[in-house]
Amino acid sequence: MKPLKEKVSITLDENIVERIKELAEDDDRSFSQYINMILKEYISKMDKTTEK
């Protein structure tokens, strides 16, 4: 069973959108998949930082 997903709407700076699109394409991922991956990595890093 696929994990539950929720649609959200956010506003990003144009230069951020363009860079994420480039990175996503280089990694053969969709824009959404790439943002999700980045956020998961950031949250994991933050969780590890707060555990200390």
PDB file of N, CA and C in Angstrom:
ATOM      1  N   MET A   1       0.845  -1.187   0.000  1.00  0.00           N
ATOM      2  CA  MET A   1       0.000   0.000   0.000  1.00  0.00           C
ATOM      3  C   MET A   1       0.889   1.249   0.000  1.00  0.00           C
ATOM      4  N   LYS A   2       0.586   2.187  -0.879  1.00  0.00           N
ATOM      5  CA  LYS A   2       1.376   3.411  -0.973  1.00  0.00           C
ATOM      6  C   LYS A   2       1.144   4.288   0.254  1.00  0.00           C
ATOM      7  N   PRO A   3       2.181   5.035   0.667  1.00  0.00           N
ATOM      8  CA  PRO A   3       1.984   5.960   1.789  1.00  0.00           C
ATOM      9  C   PRO A   3       0.968   7.035   1.410  1.00  0.00           C
ATOM     10  N   LEU A   4       0.256   7.521   2.387  1.00  0.00           N
ATOM     11  CA  LEU A   4      -0.730   8.566   2.139  1.00  0.00           C
ATOM     12  C   LEU A   4      -0.024   9.858   1.762  1.00  0.00           C
ATOM     13  N   LYS A   5      -0.604  10.545   0.822  1.00  0.00           N
ATOM     14  CA  LYS A   5      -0.044  11.819   0.380  1.00  0.00           C
ATOM     15  C   LYS A   5      -1.112  12.874   0.543  1.00  0.00           C
ATOM     16  N   GLU A   6      -0.692  14.102   0.724  1.00  0.00           N
ATOM     17  CA  GLU A   6      -1.616  15.217   0.859  1.00  0.00           C
ATOM     18  C   GLU A   6      -1.170  16.330  -0.073  1.00  0.00           C
ATOM     19  N   LYS A   7      -2.107  16.860  -0.819  1.00  0.00           N
ATOM     20  CA  LYS A   7      -1.792  17.972  -1.706  1.00  0.00           C
ATOM     21  C   LYS A   7      -1.691  19.244  -0.880  1.00  0.00           C
ATOM     22  N   VAL A   8      -0.652  20.019  -1.167  1.00  0.00           N
ATOM     23  CA  VAL A   8      -0.470  21.304  -0.504  1.00  0.00           C
ATOM     24  C   VAL A   8      -0.104  22.341  -1.562  1.00  0.00           C
ATOM     25  N   SER A   9      -0.325  23.568  -1.223  1.00  0.00           N
ATOM     26  CA  SER A   9       0.034  24.654  -2.121  1.00  0.00           C
ATOM     27  C   SER A   9       1.005  25.561  -1.377  1.00  0.00           C
ATOM     28  N   ILE A  10       2.160  25.826  -1.993  1.00  0.00           N
ATOM     29  CA  ILE A  10       3.146  26.706  -1.382  1.00  0.00           C
ATOM     30  C   ILE A  10       3.642  27.699  -2.427  1.00  0.00           C
ATOM     31  N   THR A  11       4.197  28.772  -1.961  1.00  0.00           N
ATOM     32  CA  THR A  11       4.778  29.773  -2.843  1.00  0.00           C
ATOM     33  C   THR A  11       6.278  29.776  -2.618  1.00  0.00           C
ATOM     34  N   LEU A  12       7.028  29.624  -3.715  1.00  0.00           N
ATOM     35  CA  LEU A  12       8.487  29.581  -3.640  1.00  0.00           C
ATOM     36  C   LEU A  12       9.075  30.662  -4.544  1.00  0.00           C
ATOM     37  N   ASP A  13      10.269  31.089  -4.200  1.00  0.00           N
ATOM     38  CA  ASP A  13      10.987  32.038  -5.053  1.00  0.00           C
ATOM     39  C   ASP A  13      11.270  31.377  -6.396  1.00  0.00           C
ATOM     40  N   GLU A  14      11.201  32.173  -7.450  1.00  0.00           N
ATOM     41  CA  GLU A  14      11.385  31.658  -8.810  1.00  0.00           C
ATOM     42  C   GLU A  14      12.727  30.946  -8.978  1.00  0.00           C
ATOM     43  N   ASN A  15      13.794  31.518  -8.411  1.00  0.00           N
ATOM     44  CA  ASN A  15      15.113  30.902  -8.561  1.00  0.00           C
ATOM     45  C   ASN A  15      15.184  29.544  -7.846  1.00  0.00           C
ATOM     46  N   ILE A  16      14.457  29.392  -6.750  1.00  0.00           N
ATOM     47  CA  ILE A  16      14.418  28.110  -6.034  1.00  0.00           C
ATOM     48  C   ILE A  16      13.693  27.076  -6.882  1.00  0.00           C
ATOM     49  N   VAL A  17      12.575  27.460  -7.472  1.00  0.00           N
ATOM     50  CA  VAL A  17      11.799  26.546  -8.313  1.00  0.00           C
ATOM     51  C   VAL A  17      12.650  26.061  -9.485  1.00  0.00           C
ATOM     52  N   GLU A  18      13.318  26.973 -10.145  1.00  0.00           N
ATOM     53  CA  GLU A  18      14.143  26.603 -11.299  1.00  0.00           C
ATOM     54  C   GLU A  18      15.272  25.655 -10.901  1.00  0.00           C
ATOM     55  N   ARG A  19      15.915  25.935  -9.775  1.00  0.00           N
ATOM     56  CA  ARG A  19      17.026  25.085  -9.333  1.00  0.00           C
ATOM     57  C   ARG A  19      16.529  23.703  -8.940  1.00  0.00           C
ATOM     58  N   ILE A  20      15.398  23.629  -8.247  1.00  0.00           N
ATOM     59  CA  ILE A  20      14.852  22.326  -7.861  1.00  0.00           C
ATOM     60  C   ILE A  20      14.453  21.533  -9.103  1.00  0.00           C
ATOM     61  N   LYS A  21      13.879  22.204 -10.094  1.00  0.00           N
ATOM     62  CA  LYS A  21      13.532  21.522 -11.349  1.00  0.00           C
ATOM     63  C   LYS A  21      14.777  20.926 -11.994  1.00  0.00           C
ATOM     64  N   GLU A  22      15.853  21.683 -12.014  1.00  0.00           N
ATOM     65  CA  GLU A  22      17.117  21.192 -12.592  1.00  0.00           C
ATOM     66  C   GLU A  22      17.628  19.972 -11.825  1.00  0.00           C
ATOM     67  N   LEU A  23      17.664  20.094 -10.508  1.00  0.00           N
ATOM     68  CA  LEU A  23      18.163  18.998  -9.676  1.00  0.00           C
ATOM     69  C   LEU A  23      17.287  17.759  -9.799  1.00  0.00           C
ATOM     70  N   ALA A  24      15.975  17.959  -9.837  1.00  0.00           N
ATOM     71  CA  ALA A  24      15.044  16.839  -9.976  1.00  0.00           C
ATOM     72  C   ALA A  24      15.262  16.124 -11.307  1.00  0.00           C
ATOM     73  N   GLU A  25      15.421  16.901 -12.357  1.00  0.00           N
ATOM     74  CA  GLU A  25      15.643  16.299 -13.677  1.00  0.00           C
ATOM     75  C   GLU A  25      16.955  15.520 -13.702  1.00  0.00           C
ATOM     76  N   ASP A  26      18.002  16.090 -13.117  1.00  0.00           N
ATOM     77  CA  ASP A  26      19.302  15.407 -13.057  1.00  0.00           C
ATOM     78  C   ASP A  26      19.209  14.088 -12.286  1.00  0.00           C
ATOM     79  N   ASP A  27      18.301  14.031 -11.311  1.00  0.00           N
ATOM     80  CA  ASP A  27      18.133  12.847 -10.467  1.00  0.00           C
ATOM     81  C   ASP A  27      17.012  11.936 -10.979  1.00  0.00           C
ATOM     82  N   ASP A  28      16.439  12.284 -12.130  1.00  0.00           N
ATOM     83  CA  ASP A  28      15.345  11.532 -12.746  1.00  0.00           C
ATOM     84  C   ASP A  28      14.156  11.378 -11.802  1.00  0.00           C
ATOM     85  N   ARG A  29      13.787  12.478 -11.173  1.00  0.00           N
ATOM     86  CA  ARG A  29      12.637  12.514 -10.265  1.00  0.00           C
ATOM     87  C   ARG A  29      11.711  13.651 -10.685  1.00  0.00           C
ATOM     88  N   SER A  30      10.464  13.559 -10.246  1.00  0.00           N
ATOM     89  CA  SER A  30       9.533  14.662 -10.486  1.00  0.00           C
ATOM     90  C   SER A  30       9.856  15.790  -9.500  1.00  0.00           C
ATOM     91  N   PHE A  31       9.349  16.950  -9.819  1.00  0.00           N
ATOM     92  CA  PHE A  31       9.523  18.118  -8.947  1.00  0.00           C
ATOM     93  C   PHE A  31       9.019  17.800  -7.538  1.00  0.00           C
ATOM     94  N   SER A  32       7.820  17.224  -7.467  1.00  0.00           N
ATOM     95  CA  SER A  32       7.222  16.869  -6.176  1.00  0.00           C
ATOM     96  C   SER A  32       8.047  15.840  -5.416  1.00  0.00           C
ATOM     97  N   GLN A  33       8.481  14.805  -6.120  1.00  0.00           N
ATOM     98  CA  GLN A  33       9.295  13.766  -5.478  1.00  0.00           C
ATOM     99  C   GLN A  33      10.588  14.364  -4.929  1.00  0.00           C
ATOM    100  N   TYR A  34      11.177  15.274  -5.672  1.00  0.00           N
ATOM    101  CA  TYR A  34      12.443  15.852  -5.241  1.00  0.00           C
ATOM    102  C   TYR A  34      12.264  16.736  -4.004  1.00  0.00           C
ATOM    103  N   ILE A  35      11.210  17.537  -3.991  1.00  0.00           N
ATOM    104  CA  ILE A  35      10.940  18.374  -2.816  1.00  0.00           C
ATOM    105  C   ILE A  35      10.667  17.487  -1.610  1.00  0.00           C
ATOM    106  N   ASN A  36       9.898  16.419  -1.794  1.00  0.00           N
ATOM    107  CA  ASN A  36       9.607  15.499  -0.696  1.00  0.00           C
ATOM    108  C   ASN A  36      10.896  14.891  -0.148  1.00  0.00           C
ATOM    109  N   MET A  37      11.802  14.482  -1.042  1.00  0.00           N
ATOM    110  CA  MET A  37      13.077  13.896  -0.638  1.00  0.00           C
ATOM    111  C   MET A  37      13.912  14.905   0.166  1.00  0.00           C
ATOM    112  N   ILE A  38      13.988  16.122  -0.338  1.00  0.00           N
ATOM    113  CA  ILE A  38      14.752  17.171   0.350  1.00  0.00           C
ATOM    114  C   ILE A  38      14.200  17.419   1.751  1.00  0.00           C
ATOM    115  N   LEU A  39      12.880  17.515   1.854  1.00  0.00           N
ATOM    116  CA  LEU A  39      12.263  17.767   3.158  1.00  0.00           C
ATOM    117  C   LEU A  39      12.466  16.607   4.125  1.00  0.00           C
ATOM    118  N   LYS A  40      12.366  15.369   3.627  1.00  0.00           N
ATOM    119  CA  LYS A  40      12.610  14.207   4.487  1.00  0.00           C
ATOM    120  C   LYS A  40      14.039  14.221   5.030  1.00  0.00           C
ATOM    121  N   GLU A  41      15.002  14.504   4.146  1.00  0.00           N
ATOM    122  CA  GLU A  41      16.402  14.553   4.577  1.00  0.00           C
ATOM    123  C   GLU A  41      16.625  15.663   5.602  1.00  0.00           C
ATOM    124  N   TYR A  42      16.033  16.815   5.367  1.00  0.00           N
ATOM    125  CA  TYR A  42      16.193  17.945   6.289  1.00  0.00           C
ATOM    126  C   TYR A  42      15.577  17.625   7.654  1.00  0.00           C
ATOM    127  N   ILE A  43      14.375  17.065   7.645  1.00  0.00           N
ATOM    128  CA  ILE A  43      13.703  16.723   8.902  1.00  0.00           C
ATOM    129  C   ILE A  43      14.491  15.664   9.664  1.00  0.00           C
ATOM    130  N   SER A  44      15.008  14.676   8.948  1.00  0.00           N
ATOM    131  CA  SER A  44      15.822  13.638   9.589  1.00  0.00           C
ATOM    132  C   SER A  44      17.057  14.257  10.235  1.00  0.00           C
ATOM    133  N   LYS A  45      17.702  15.155   9.515  1.00  0.00           N
ATOM    134  CA  LYS A  45      18.885  15.846  10.046  1.00  0.00           C
ATOM    135  C   LYS A  45      18.522  16.663  11.292  1.00  0.00           C
ATOM    136  N   MET A  46      17.409  17.365  11.240  1.00  0.00           N
ATOM    137  CA  MET A  46      16.980  18.181  12.375  1.00  0.00           C
ATOM    138  C   MET A  46      16.638  17.303  13.576  1.00  0.00           C
ATOM    139  N   ASP A  47      15.998  16.160  13.319  1.00  0.00           N
ATOM    140  CA  ASP A  47      15.655  15.239  14.408  1.00  0.00           C
ATOM    141  C   ASP A  47      16.918  14.723  15.090  1.00  0.00           C
ATOM    142  N   LYS A  48      17.930  14.412  14.306  1.00  0.00           N
ATOM    143  CA  LYS A  48      19.193  13.920  14.874  1.00  0.00           C
ATOM    144  C   LYS A  48      19.888  15.011  15.676  1.00  0.00           C
ATOM    145  N   THR A  49      19.779  16.241  15.234  1.00  0.00           N
ATOM    146  CA  THR A  49      20.394  17.367  15.930  1.00  0.00           C
ATOM    147  C   THR A  49      19.723  17.613  17.273  1.00  0.00           C
ATOM    148  N   THR A  50      18.422  17.463  17.331  1.00  0.00           N
ATOM    149  CA  THR A  50      17.690  17.723  18.574  1.00  0.00           C
ATOM    150  C   THR A  50      17.775  16.563  19.562  1.00  0.00           C
ATOM    151  N   GLU A  51      18.223  15.397  19.109  1.00  0.00           N
ATOM    152  CA  GLU A  51      18.356  14.237  20.000  1.00  0.00           C
ATOM    153  C   GLU A  51      19.519  14.377  20.965  1.00  0.00           C
ATOM    154  N   LYS A  52      20.473  15.216  20.642  1.00  0.00           N
ATOM    155  CA  LYS A  52      21.691  15.329  21.465  1.00  0.00           C
ATOM    156  C   LYS A  52      21.436  15.958  22.791  1.00  0.00           C
TER     157      LYS A  52
END
